[in-house]
Protein backbone atom coordinates (compact mmCIF):
# COMPACT_ATOMS: atom_id res chain seq x y z
CA UNK A 1 0.00 0.00 0.00
CA UNK A 2 1.41 3.40 -0.94
CA UNK A 3 1.37 6.49 1.27
CA UNK A 4 -1.42 8.18 -0.75
CA UNK A 5 -3.81 5.25 -0.25
CA UNK A 6 -2.78 4.83 3.39
CA UNK A 7 -3.65 8.45 4.20
CA UNK A 8 -7.03 8.12 2.48
CA UNK A 9 -7.70 4.89 4.38
CA UNK A 10 -6.80 6.47 7.72
CA UNK A 11 -9.45 9.12 7.10
CA UNK A 12 -12.02 6.54 5.94
CA UNK A 13 -11.97 7.30 2.20
CA UNK A 14 -12.26 4.69 -0.56
CA UNK A 15 -11.11 4.91 -4.17
CA UNK A 16 -13.40 3.56 -6.87
CA UNK A 17 -11.67 4.39 -10.14
CA UNK A 18 -12.69 1.76 -12.69
CA UNK A 19 -12.84 3.85 -15.89
CA UNK A 20 -10.23 2.71 -18.41
CA UNK A 21 -6.70 3.89 -17.76
CA UNK A 22 -5.88 6.37 -20.51
CA UNK A 23 -2.70 8.11 -21.53
CA UNK A 24 -4.79 11.08 -22.55
CA UNK A 25 -8.16 12.19 -21.20
CA UNK A 26 -10.01 15.03 -19.56
CA UNK A 27 -11.34 14.24 -16.10
CA UNK A 28 -14.45 16.27 -15.31
CA UNK A 29 -14.74 16.54 -11.51
CA UNK A 30 -17.98 17.72 -9.89
CA UNK A 31 -19.38 18.79 -7.54
CA UNK A 32 -16.62 21.21 -6.55
CA UNK A 33 -17.46 23.16 -3.40
CA UNK A 34 -14.29 22.90 -1.28
CA UNK A 35 -10.51 23.05 -1.53
CA UNK A 36 -10.54 19.55 -0.01
CA UNK A 37 -11.82 18.29 -3.40
CA UNK A 38 -8.40 18.98 -4.91
CA UNK A 39 -6.51 17.20 -2.13
CA UNK A 40 -8.79 14.15 -2.13
CA UNK A 41 -8.73 13.87 -5.92
CA UNK A 42 -4.94 14.18 -5.98
CA UNK A 43 -4.51 11.51 -3.30
CA UNK A 44 -6.96 9.15 -5.01
CA UNK A 45 -5.29 9.37 -8.41
CA UNK A 46 -1.80 9.08 -6.92
CA UNK A 47 -2.91 6.07 -4.87
CA UNK A 48 -3.31 4.23 -8.20
CA UNK A 49 0.14 5.29 -9.38
CA UNK A 50 -1.30 7.82 -11.82
CA UNK A 51 -0.57 11.48 -12.28
CA UNK A 52 -3.21 14.05 -13.20
CA UNK A 53 -2.63 17.57 -14.41
CA UNK A 54 -4.87 20.34 -13.16
CA UNK A 55 -5.57 23.98 -13.92
CA UNK A 56 -5.10 26.47 -11.10
CA UNK A 57 -5.09 30.26 -10.87
CA UNK A 58 -1.58 31.60 -11.53
CA UNK A 59 -1.91 33.50 -8.24
CA UNK A 60 -0.89 30.27 -6.45
CA UNK A 61 2.28 29.76 -8.48
CA UNK A 62 4.63 31.82 -6.33
CA UNK A 63 7.99 30.78 -4.86
CA UNK A 64 8.35 28.14 -3.45
CA UNK A 65 4.79 26.80 -3.89
CA UNK A 66 5.04 26.96 -7.70
CA UNK A 67 7.64 24.18 -7.72
CA UNK A 68 5.43 21.91 -5.63
CA UNK A 69 2.31 22.63 -7.71
CA UNK A 70 4.13 22.07 -11.01
CA UNK A 71 5.64 18.81 -9.75
CA UNK A 72 2.13 17.66 -8.84
CA UNK A 73 0.90 18.46 -12.38
CA UNK A 74 -0.30 22.04 -11.95
CA UNK A 75 -0.82 24.26 -14.98
CA UNK A 76 -1.10 27.97 -14.11
CA UNK A 77 -4.12 29.81 -15.51
CA UNK A 78 -3.40 33.48 -16.13
CA UNK A 79 -5.94 36.02 -14.97
CA UNK A 80 -7.96 37.68 -17.70
CA UNK A 81 -5.95 40.01 -19.86
CA UNK A 82 -2.64 38.28 -19.14
CA UNK A 83 -0.74 36.07 -21.57
CA UNK A 84 -1.07 35.49 -25.29
CA UNK A 85 -3.62 33.24 -26.96
CA UNK A 86 -6.42 31.22 -25.45
CA UNK A 87 -5.90 28.86 -22.54
CA UNK A 88 -7.94 26.21 -24.37
CA UNK A 89 -5.57 26.30 -27.35
CA UNK A 90 -2.53 26.12 -25.07
CA UNK A 91 -3.91 23.08 -23.25
CA UNK A 92 -4.82 21.35 -26.53
CA UNK A 93 -1.25 21.98 -27.65
CA UNK A 94 0.01 20.32 -24.43
CA UNK A 95 -2.07 17.24 -25.28
CA UNK A 96 -0.54 17.13 -28.76
CA UNK A 97 3.03 17.56 -27.51
CA UNK A 98 2.91 15.06 -24.64
CA UNK A 99 2.43 11.30 -24.50
CA UNK A 100 0.57 11.45 -21.18
CA UNK A 101 -1.93 14.01 -19.91
CA UNK A 102 -4.88 13.27 -17.68
CA UNK A 103 -6.30 16.75 -17.12
CA UNK A 104 -8.63 17.20 -14.14
CA UNK A 105 -11.06 20.10 -14.59
CA UNK A 106 -13.92 21.36 -12.44
CA UNK A 107 -16.64 22.52 -14.86
CA UNK A 108 -18.16 24.95 -12.36
CA UNK A 109 -14.88 26.89 -12.36
CA UNK A 110 -15.58 28.03 -8.78
CA UNK A 111 -16.36 26.63 -5.35
CA UNK A 112 -19.31 29.02 -5.08
CA UNK A 113 -22.84 28.32 -6.27
CA UNK A 114 -23.22 28.79 -10.02
CA UNK A 115 -25.75 27.64 -12.59
CA UNK A 116 -23.39 28.26 -15.50
CA UNK A 117 -20.76 25.61 -16.07
CA UNK A 118 -17.66 26.44 -18.11
CA UNK A 119 -17.38 24.73 -21.50
CA UNK A 120 -13.59 24.90 -21.86
CA UNK A 121 -13.13 21.27 -20.82
CA UNK A 122 -15.40 20.22 -23.71
CA UNK A 123 -13.42 22.28 -26.23
CA UNK A 124 -10.20 20.81 -24.88
CA UNK A 125 -11.59 17.28 -25.30
CA UNK A 126 -12.77 18.11 -28.84
CA UNK A 127 -9.47 19.70 -29.87
CA UNK A 128 -7.32 16.98 -28.32
CA UNK A 129 -9.69 14.22 -29.50
CA UNK A 130 -9.83 12.59 -26.07
CA UNK A 131 -12.61 11.08 -23.93
CA UNK A 132 -13.98 12.71 -20.80
CA UNK A 133 -13.96 10.66 -17.61
CA UNK A 134 -16.57 11.68 -15.05
CA UNK A 135 -15.22 12.03 -11.52
CA UNK A 136 -17.04 12.53 -8.24
CA UNK A 137 -15.80 13.17 -4.73
CA UNK A 138 -18.67 11.85 -2.66
CA UNK A 139 -18.55 13.16 0.89
CA UNK A 140 -21.67 11.18 1.87
CA UNK A 141 -20.03 7.82 1.19
CA UNK A 142 -16.40 9.01 1.51
CA UNK A 143 -15.67 7.68 -1.95
CA UNK A 144 -13.70 9.08 -4.87
CA UNK A 145 -15.32 7.78 -8.06
CA UNK A 146 -14.34 7.71 -11.72
CA UNK A 147 -16.44 4.94 -13.25
CA UNK A 148 -17.98 6.52 -16.33
CA UNK A 149 -16.37 7.71 -19.52
CA UNK A 150 -18.11 10.03 -21.95
CA UNK A 151 -17.20 10.28 -25.61
CA UNK A 152 -17.89 13.89 -26.62
CA UNK A 153 -19.95 14.42 -29.78
CA UNK A 154 -18.79 17.91 -30.70
CA UNK A 155 -22.21 19.37 -29.91
CA UNK A 156 -21.58 21.56 -26.85
CA UNK A 157 -25.21 21.80 -25.73
CA UNK A 158 -25.84 18.07 -26.11
CA UNK A 159 -22.58 17.11 -24.40
CA UNK A 160 -23.10 19.52 -21.51
CA UNK A 161 -26.66 18.29 -21.03
CA UNK A 162 -25.50 14.65 -20.88
CA UNK A 163 -22.69 15.43 -18.44
CA UNK A 164 -24.87 17.55 -16.16
CA UNK A 165 -27.50 14.78 -16.21
CA UNK A 166 -24.88 12.32 -14.91
CA UNK A 167 -24.05 14.62 -11.99
CA UNK A 168 -27.70 15.05 -10.95
CA UNK A 169 -27.40 11.78 -9.04
CA UNK A 170 -24.59 13.35 -7.00
CA UNK A 171 -26.28 16.65 -6.13
CA UNK A 172 -25.94 15.93 -2.40
CA UNK A 173 -22.45 14.41 -2.58
CA UNK A 174 -20.61 17.72 -2.21
CA UNK A 175 -19.07 18.83 1.06
CA UNK A 176 -21.36 21.87 0.76
CA UNK A 177 -24.38 20.66 -1.27
CA UNK A 178 -26.01 24.10 -1.13
CA UNK A 179 -23.15 25.37 -3.35
CA UNK A 180 -23.76 22.83 -6.15
CA UNK A 181 -26.20 23.21 -9.00
CA UNK A 182 -26.73 21.11 -12.11
C-alpha atoms as a PDB file:
ATOM      1  CA  UNK A   1       0.000   0.000   0.000  1.00  0.00           C
ATOM      2  CA  UNK A   2       1.406   3.399  -0.940  1.00  0.00           C
ATOM      3  CA  UNK A   3       1.372   6.494   1.266  1.00  0.00           C
ATOM      4  CA  UNK A   4      -1.419   8.181  -0.747  1.00  0.00           C
ATOM      5  CA  UNK A   5      -3.807   5.250  -0.253  1.00  0.00           C
ATOM      6  CA  UNK A   6      -2.779   4.832   3.390  1.00  0.00           C
ATOM      7  CA  UNK A   7      -3.646   8.446   4.201  1.00  0.00           C
ATOM      8  CA  UNK A   8      -7.027   8.116   2.485  1.00  0.00           C
ATOM      9  CA  UNK A   9      -7.696   4.893   4.382  1.00  0.00           C
ATOM     10  CA  UNK A  10      -6.800   6.467   7.725  1.00  0.00           C
ATOM     11  CA  UNK A  11      -9.452   9.122   7.099  1.00  0.00           C
ATOM     12  CA  UNK A  12     -12.021   6.544   5.944  1.00  0.00           C
ATOM     13  CA  UNK A  13     -11.970   7.301   2.202  1.00  0.00           C
ATOM     14  CA  UNK A  14     -12.262   4.693  -0.563  1.00  0.00           C
ATOM     15  CA  UNK A  15     -11.106   4.910  -4.167  1.00  0.00           C
ATOM     16  CA  UNK A  16     -13.396   3.559  -6.872  1.00  0.00           C
ATOM     17  CA  UNK A  17     -11.674   4.386 -10.145  1.00  0.00           C
ATOM     18  CA  UNK A  18     -12.694   1.763 -12.693  1.00  0.00           C
ATOM     19  CA  UNK A  19     -12.839   3.846 -15.887  1.00  0.00           C
ATOM     20  CA  UNK A  20     -10.229   2.711 -18.414  1.00  0.00           C
ATOM     21  CA  UNK A  21      -6.697   3.891 -17.761  1.00  0.00           C
ATOM     22  CA  UNK A  22      -5.878   6.374 -20.514  1.00  0.00           C
ATOM     23  CA  UNK A  23      -2.695   8.107 -21.526  1.00  0.00           C
ATOM     24  CA  UNK A  24      -4.788  11.084 -22.552  1.00  0.00           C
ATOM     25  CA  UNK A  25      -8.160  12.188 -21.204  1.00  0.00           C
ATOM     26  CA  UNK A  26     -10.011  15.026 -19.558  1.00  0.00           C
ATOM     27  CA  UNK A  27     -11.341  14.236 -16.099  1.00  0.00           C
ATOM     28  CA  UNK A  28     -14.445  16.268 -15.307  1.00  0.00           C
ATOM     29  CA  UNK A  29     -14.741  16.539 -11.511  1.00  0.00           C
ATOM     30  CA  UNK A  30     -17.982  17.717  -9.893  1.00  0.00           C
ATOM     31  CA  UNK A  31     -19.385  18.788  -7.540  1.00  0.00           C
ATOM     32  CA  UNK A  32     -16.617  21.207  -6.553  1.00  0.00           C
ATOM     33  CA  UNK A  33     -17.458  23.161  -3.401  1.00  0.00           C
ATOM     34  CA  UNK A  34     -14.294  22.897  -1.277  1.00  0.00           C
ATOM     35  CA  UNK A  35     -10.508  23.046  -1.527  1.00  0.00           C
ATOM     36  CA  UNK A  36     -10.538  19.545  -0.014  1.00  0.00           C
ATOM     37  CA  UNK A  37     -11.821  18.285  -3.396  1.00  0.00           C
ATOM     38  CA  UNK A  38      -8.404  18.978  -4.913  1.00  0.00           C
ATOM     39  CA  UNK A  39      -6.513  17.198  -2.134  1.00  0.00           C
ATOM     40  CA  UNK A  40      -8.790  14.154  -2.127  1.00  0.00           C
ATOM     41  CA  UNK A  41      -8.732  13.865  -5.919  1.00  0.00           C
ATOM     42  CA  UNK A  42      -4.937  14.184  -5.983  1.00  0.00           C
ATOM     43  CA  UNK A  43      -4.505  11.514  -3.299  1.00  0.00           C
ATOM     44  CA  UNK A  44      -6.958   9.150  -5.015  1.00  0.00           C
ATOM     45  CA  UNK A  45      -5.288   9.373  -8.407  1.00  0.00           C
ATOM     46  CA  UNK A  46      -1.801   9.085  -6.925  1.00  0.00           C
ATOM     47  CA  UNK A  47      -2.912   6.068  -4.867  1.00  0.00           C
ATOM     48  CA  UNK A  48      -3.308   4.233  -8.201  1.00  0.00           C
ATOM     49  CA  UNK A  49       0.143   5.289  -9.379  1.00  0.00           C
ATOM     50  CA  UNK A  50      -1.304   7.821 -11.817  1.00  0.00           C
ATOM     51  CA  UNK A  51      -0.573  11.483 -12.279  1.00  0.00           C
ATOM     52  CA  UNK A  52      -3.206  14.053 -13.197  1.00  0.00           C
ATOM     53  CA  UNK A  53      -2.629  17.566 -14.406  1.00  0.00           C
ATOM     54  CA  UNK A  54      -4.875  20.342 -13.165  1.00  0.00           C
ATOM     55  CA  UNK A  55      -5.574  23.981 -13.923  1.00  0.00           C
ATOM     56  CA  UNK A  56      -5.096  26.469 -11.101  1.00  0.00           C
ATOM     57  CA  UNK A  57      -5.090  30.258 -10.874  1.00  0.00           C
ATOM     58  CA  UNK A  58      -1.577  31.605 -11.526  1.00  0.00           C
ATOM     59  CA  UNK A  59      -1.912  33.496  -8.236  1.00  0.00           C
ATOM     60  CA  UNK A  60      -0.892  30.266  -6.446  1.00  0.00           C
ATOM     61  CA  UNK A  61       2.279  29.765  -8.482  1.00  0.00           C
ATOM     62  CA  UNK A  62       4.632  31.818  -6.334  1.00  0.00           C
ATOM     63  CA  UNK A  63       7.994  30.781  -4.858  1.00  0.00           C
ATOM     64  CA  UNK A  64       8.349  28.136  -3.446  1.00  0.00           C
ATOM     65  CA  UNK A  65       4.795  26.803  -3.894  1.00  0.00           C
ATOM     66  CA  UNK A  66       5.044  26.962  -7.695  1.00  0.00           C
ATOM     67  CA  UNK A  67       7.643  24.178  -7.721  1.00  0.00           C
ATOM     68  CA  UNK A  68       5.434  21.910  -5.628  1.00  0.00           C
ATOM     69  CA  UNK A  69       2.314  22.627  -7.707  1.00  0.00           C
ATOM     70  CA  UNK A  70       4.129  22.074 -11.014  1.00  0.00           C
ATOM     71  CA  UNK A  71       5.642  18.811  -9.748  1.00  0.00           C
ATOM     72  CA  UNK A  72       2.126  17.656  -8.843  1.00  0.00           C
ATOM     73  CA  UNK A  73       0.901  18.462 -12.384  1.00  0.00           C
ATOM     74  CA  UNK A  74      -0.295  22.039 -11.952  1.00  0.00           C
ATOM     75  CA  UNK A  75      -0.822  24.260 -14.976  1.00  0.00           C
ATOM     76  CA  UNK A  76      -1.104  27.968 -14.113  1.00  0.00           C
ATOM     77  CA  UNK A  77      -4.123  29.810 -15.506  1.00  0.00           C
ATOM     78  CA  UNK A  78      -3.404  33.483 -16.132  1.00  0.00           C
ATOM     79  CA  UNK A  79      -5.939  36.024 -14.968  1.00  0.00           C
ATOM     80  CA  UNK A  80      -7.958  37.684 -17.699  1.00  0.00           C
ATOM     81  CA  UNK A  81      -5.949  40.010 -19.862  1.00  0.00           C
ATOM     82  CA  UNK A  82      -2.639  38.276 -19.139  1.00  0.00           C
ATOM     83  CA  UNK A  83      -0.743  36.068 -21.574  1.00  0.00           C
ATOM     84  CA  UNK A  84      -1.066  35.489 -25.293  1.00  0.00           C
ATOM     85  CA  UNK A  85      -3.623  33.235 -26.957  1.00  0.00           C
ATOM     86  CA  UNK A  86      -6.420  31.218 -25.452  1.00  0.00           C
ATOM     87  CA  UNK A  87      -5.903  28.860 -22.542  1.00  0.00           C
ATOM     88  CA  UNK A  88      -7.941  26.215 -24.366  1.00  0.00           C
ATOM     89  CA  UNK A  89      -5.566  26.302 -27.354  1.00  0.00           C
ATOM     90  CA  UNK A  90      -2.530  26.124 -25.067  1.00  0.00           C
ATOM     91  CA  UNK A  91      -3.907  23.077 -23.251  1.00  0.00           C
ATOM     92  CA  UNK A  92      -4.823  21.345 -26.534  1.00  0.00           C
ATOM     93  CA  UNK A  93      -1.246  21.978 -27.645  1.00  0.00           C
ATOM     94  CA  UNK A  94       0.009  20.320 -24.429  1.00  0.00           C
ATOM     95  CA  UNK A  95      -2.072  17.240 -25.280  1.00  0.00           C
ATOM     96  CA  UNK A  96      -0.538  17.133 -28.759  1.00  0.00           C
ATOM     97  CA  UNK A  97       3.033  17.558 -27.510  1.00  0.00           C
ATOM     98  CA  UNK A  98       2.915  15.062 -24.640  1.00  0.00           C
ATOM     99  CA  UNK A  99       2.430  11.300 -24.499  1.00  0.00           C
ATOM    100  CA  UNK A 100       0.572  11.452 -21.185  1.00  0.00           C
ATOM    101  CA  UNK A 101      -1.928  14.008 -19.906  1.00  0.00           C
ATOM    102  CA  UNK A 102      -4.880  13.266 -17.676  1.00  0.00           C
ATOM    103  CA  UNK A 103      -6.299  16.747 -17.117  1.00  0.00           C
ATOM    104  CA  UNK A 104      -8.633  17.199 -14.141  1.00  0.00           C
ATOM    105  CA  UNK A 105     -11.056  20.096 -14.587  1.00  0.00           C
ATOM    106  CA  UNK A 106     -13.923  21.362 -12.442  1.00  0.00           C
ATOM    107  CA  UNK A 107     -16.637  22.516 -14.856  1.00  0.00           C
ATOM    108  CA  UNK A 108     -18.157  24.951 -12.361  1.00  0.00           C
ATOM    109  CA  UNK A 109     -14.880  26.890 -12.357  1.00  0.00           C
ATOM    110  CA  UNK A 110     -15.578  28.025  -8.783  1.00  0.00           C
ATOM    111  CA  UNK A 111     -16.361  26.631  -5.350  1.00  0.00           C
ATOM    112  CA  UNK A 112     -19.312  29.025  -5.081  1.00  0.00           C
ATOM    113  CA  UNK A 113     -22.841  28.322  -6.272  1.00  0.00           C
ATOM    114  CA  UNK A 114     -23.221  28.794 -10.024  1.00  0.00           C
ATOM    115  CA  UNK A 115     -25.751  27.639 -12.585  1.00  0.00           C
ATOM    116  CA  UNK A 116     -23.391  28.261 -15.496  1.00  0.00           C
ATOM    117  CA  UNK A 117     -20.762  25.610 -16.072  1.00  0.00           C
ATOM    118  CA  UNK A 118     -17.663  26.445 -18.114  1.00  0.00           C
ATOM    119  CA  UNK A 119     -17.382  24.734 -21.501  1.00  0.00           C
ATOM    120  CA  UNK A 120     -13.592  24.899 -21.857  1.00  0.00           C
ATOM    121  CA  UNK A 121     -13.132  21.266 -20.824  1.00  0.00           C
ATOM    122  CA  UNK A 122     -15.395  20.218 -23.714  1.00  0.00           C
ATOM    123  CA  UNK A 123     -13.422  22.281 -26.229  1.00  0.00           C
ATOM    124  CA  UNK A 124     -10.198  20.808 -24.877  1.00  0.00           C
ATOM    125  CA  UNK A 125     -11.591  17.276 -25.302  1.00  0.00           C
ATOM    126  CA  UNK A 126     -12.770  18.115 -28.842  1.00  0.00           C
ATOM    127  CA  UNK A 127      -9.471  19.698 -29.874  1.00  0.00           C
ATOM    128  CA  UNK A 128      -7.319  16.980 -28.317  1.00  0.00           C
ATOM    129  CA  UNK A 129      -9.692  14.224 -29.496  1.00  0.00           C
ATOM    130  CA  UNK A 130      -9.831  12.593 -26.066  1.00  0.00           C
ATOM    131  CA  UNK A 131     -12.607  11.080 -23.926  1.00  0.00           C
ATOM    132  CA  UNK A 132     -13.985  12.708 -20.796  1.00  0.00           C
ATOM    133  CA  UNK A 133     -13.961  10.664 -17.609  1.00  0.00           C
ATOM    134  CA  UNK A 134     -16.572  11.677 -15.045  1.00  0.00           C
ATOM    135  CA  UNK A 135     -15.217  12.030 -11.523  1.00  0.00           C
ATOM    136  CA  UNK A 136     -17.042  12.529  -8.239  1.00  0.00           C
ATOM    137  CA  UNK A 137     -15.797  13.165  -4.732  1.00  0.00           C
ATOM    138  CA  UNK A 138     -18.674  11.845  -2.662  1.00  0.00           C
ATOM    139  CA  UNK A 139     -18.554  13.164   0.892  1.00  0.00           C
ATOM    140  CA  UNK A 140     -21.674  11.183   1.867  1.00  0.00           C
ATOM    141  CA  UNK A 141     -20.031   7.821   1.193  1.00  0.00           C
ATOM    142  CA  UNK A 142     -16.399   9.006   1.511  1.00  0.00           C
ATOM    143  CA  UNK A 143     -15.668   7.682  -1.951  1.00  0.00           C
ATOM    144  CA  UNK A 144     -13.701   9.079  -4.873  1.00  0.00           C
ATOM    145  CA  UNK A 145     -15.319   7.782  -8.056  1.00  0.00           C
ATOM    146  CA  UNK A 146     -14.339   7.706 -11.717  1.00  0.00           C
ATOM    147  CA  UNK A 147     -16.440   4.942 -13.250  1.00  0.00           C
ATOM    148  CA  UNK A 148     -17.984   6.516 -16.333  1.00  0.00           C
ATOM    149  CA  UNK A 149     -16.373   7.714 -19.516  1.00  0.00           C
ATOM    150  CA  UNK A 150     -18.114  10.032 -21.950  1.00  0.00           C
ATOM    151  CA  UNK A 151     -17.204  10.281 -25.614  1.00  0.00           C
ATOM    152  CA  UNK A 152     -17.890  13.893 -26.624  1.00  0.00           C
ATOM    153  CA  UNK A 153     -19.946  14.419 -29.778  1.00  0.00           C
ATOM    154  CA  UNK A 154     -18.786  17.912 -30.700  1.00  0.00           C
ATOM    155  CA  UNK A 155     -22.214  19.365 -29.907  1.00  0.00           C
ATOM    156  CA  UNK A 156     -21.583  21.563 -26.846  1.00  0.00           C
ATOM    157  CA  UNK A 157     -25.209  21.803 -25.734  1.00  0.00           C
ATOM    158  CA  UNK A 158     -25.842  18.074 -26.106  1.00  0.00           C
ATOM    159  CA  UNK A 159     -22.584  17.113 -24.402  1.00  0.00           C
ATOM    160  CA  UNK A 160     -23.101  19.518 -21.509  1.00  0.00           C
ATOM    161  CA  UNK A 161     -26.658  18.291 -21.026  1.00  0.00           C
ATOM    162  CA  UNK A 162     -25.502  14.650 -20.878  1.00  0.00           C
ATOM    163  CA  UNK A 163     -22.691  15.430 -18.435  1.00  0.00           C
ATOM    164  CA  UNK A 164     -24.867  17.550 -16.162  1.00  0.00           C
ATOM    165  CA  UNK A 165     -27.496  14.781 -16.208  1.00  0.00           C
ATOM    166  CA  UNK A 166     -24.877  12.319 -14.907  1.00  0.00           C
ATOM    167  CA  UNK A 167     -24.051  14.621 -11.991  1.00  0.00           C
ATOM    168  CA  UNK A 168     -27.704  15.054 -10.949  1.00  0.00           C
ATOM    169  CA  UNK A 169     -27.395  11.778  -9.036  1.00  0.00           C
ATOM    170  CA  UNK A 170     -24.586  13.349  -7.002  1.00  0.00           C
ATOM    171  CA  UNK A 171     -26.277  16.649  -6.130  1.00  0.00           C
ATOM    172  CA  UNK A 172     -25.944  15.928  -2.395  1.00  0.00           C
ATOM    173  CA  UNK A 173     -22.454  14.413  -2.576  1.00  0.00           C
ATOM    174  CA  UNK A 174     -20.607  17.720  -2.207  1.00  0.00           C
ATOM    175  CA  UNK A 175     -19.073  18.833   1.063  1.00  0.00           C
ATOM    176  CA  UNK A 176     -21.362  21.871   0.763  1.00  0.00           C
ATOM    177  CA  UNK A 177     -24.376  20.663  -1.274  1.00  0.00           C
ATOM    178  CA  UNK A 178     -26.006  24.099  -1.129  1.00  0.00           C
ATOM    179  CA  UNK A 179     -23.151  25.367  -3.347  1.00  0.00           C
ATOM    180  CA  UNK A 180     -23.760  22.830  -6.155  1.00  0.00           C
ATOM    181  CA  UNK A 181     -26.204  23.212  -9.000  1.00  0.00           C
ATOM    182  CA  UNK A 182     -26.728  21.114 -12.109  1.00  0.00           C
END
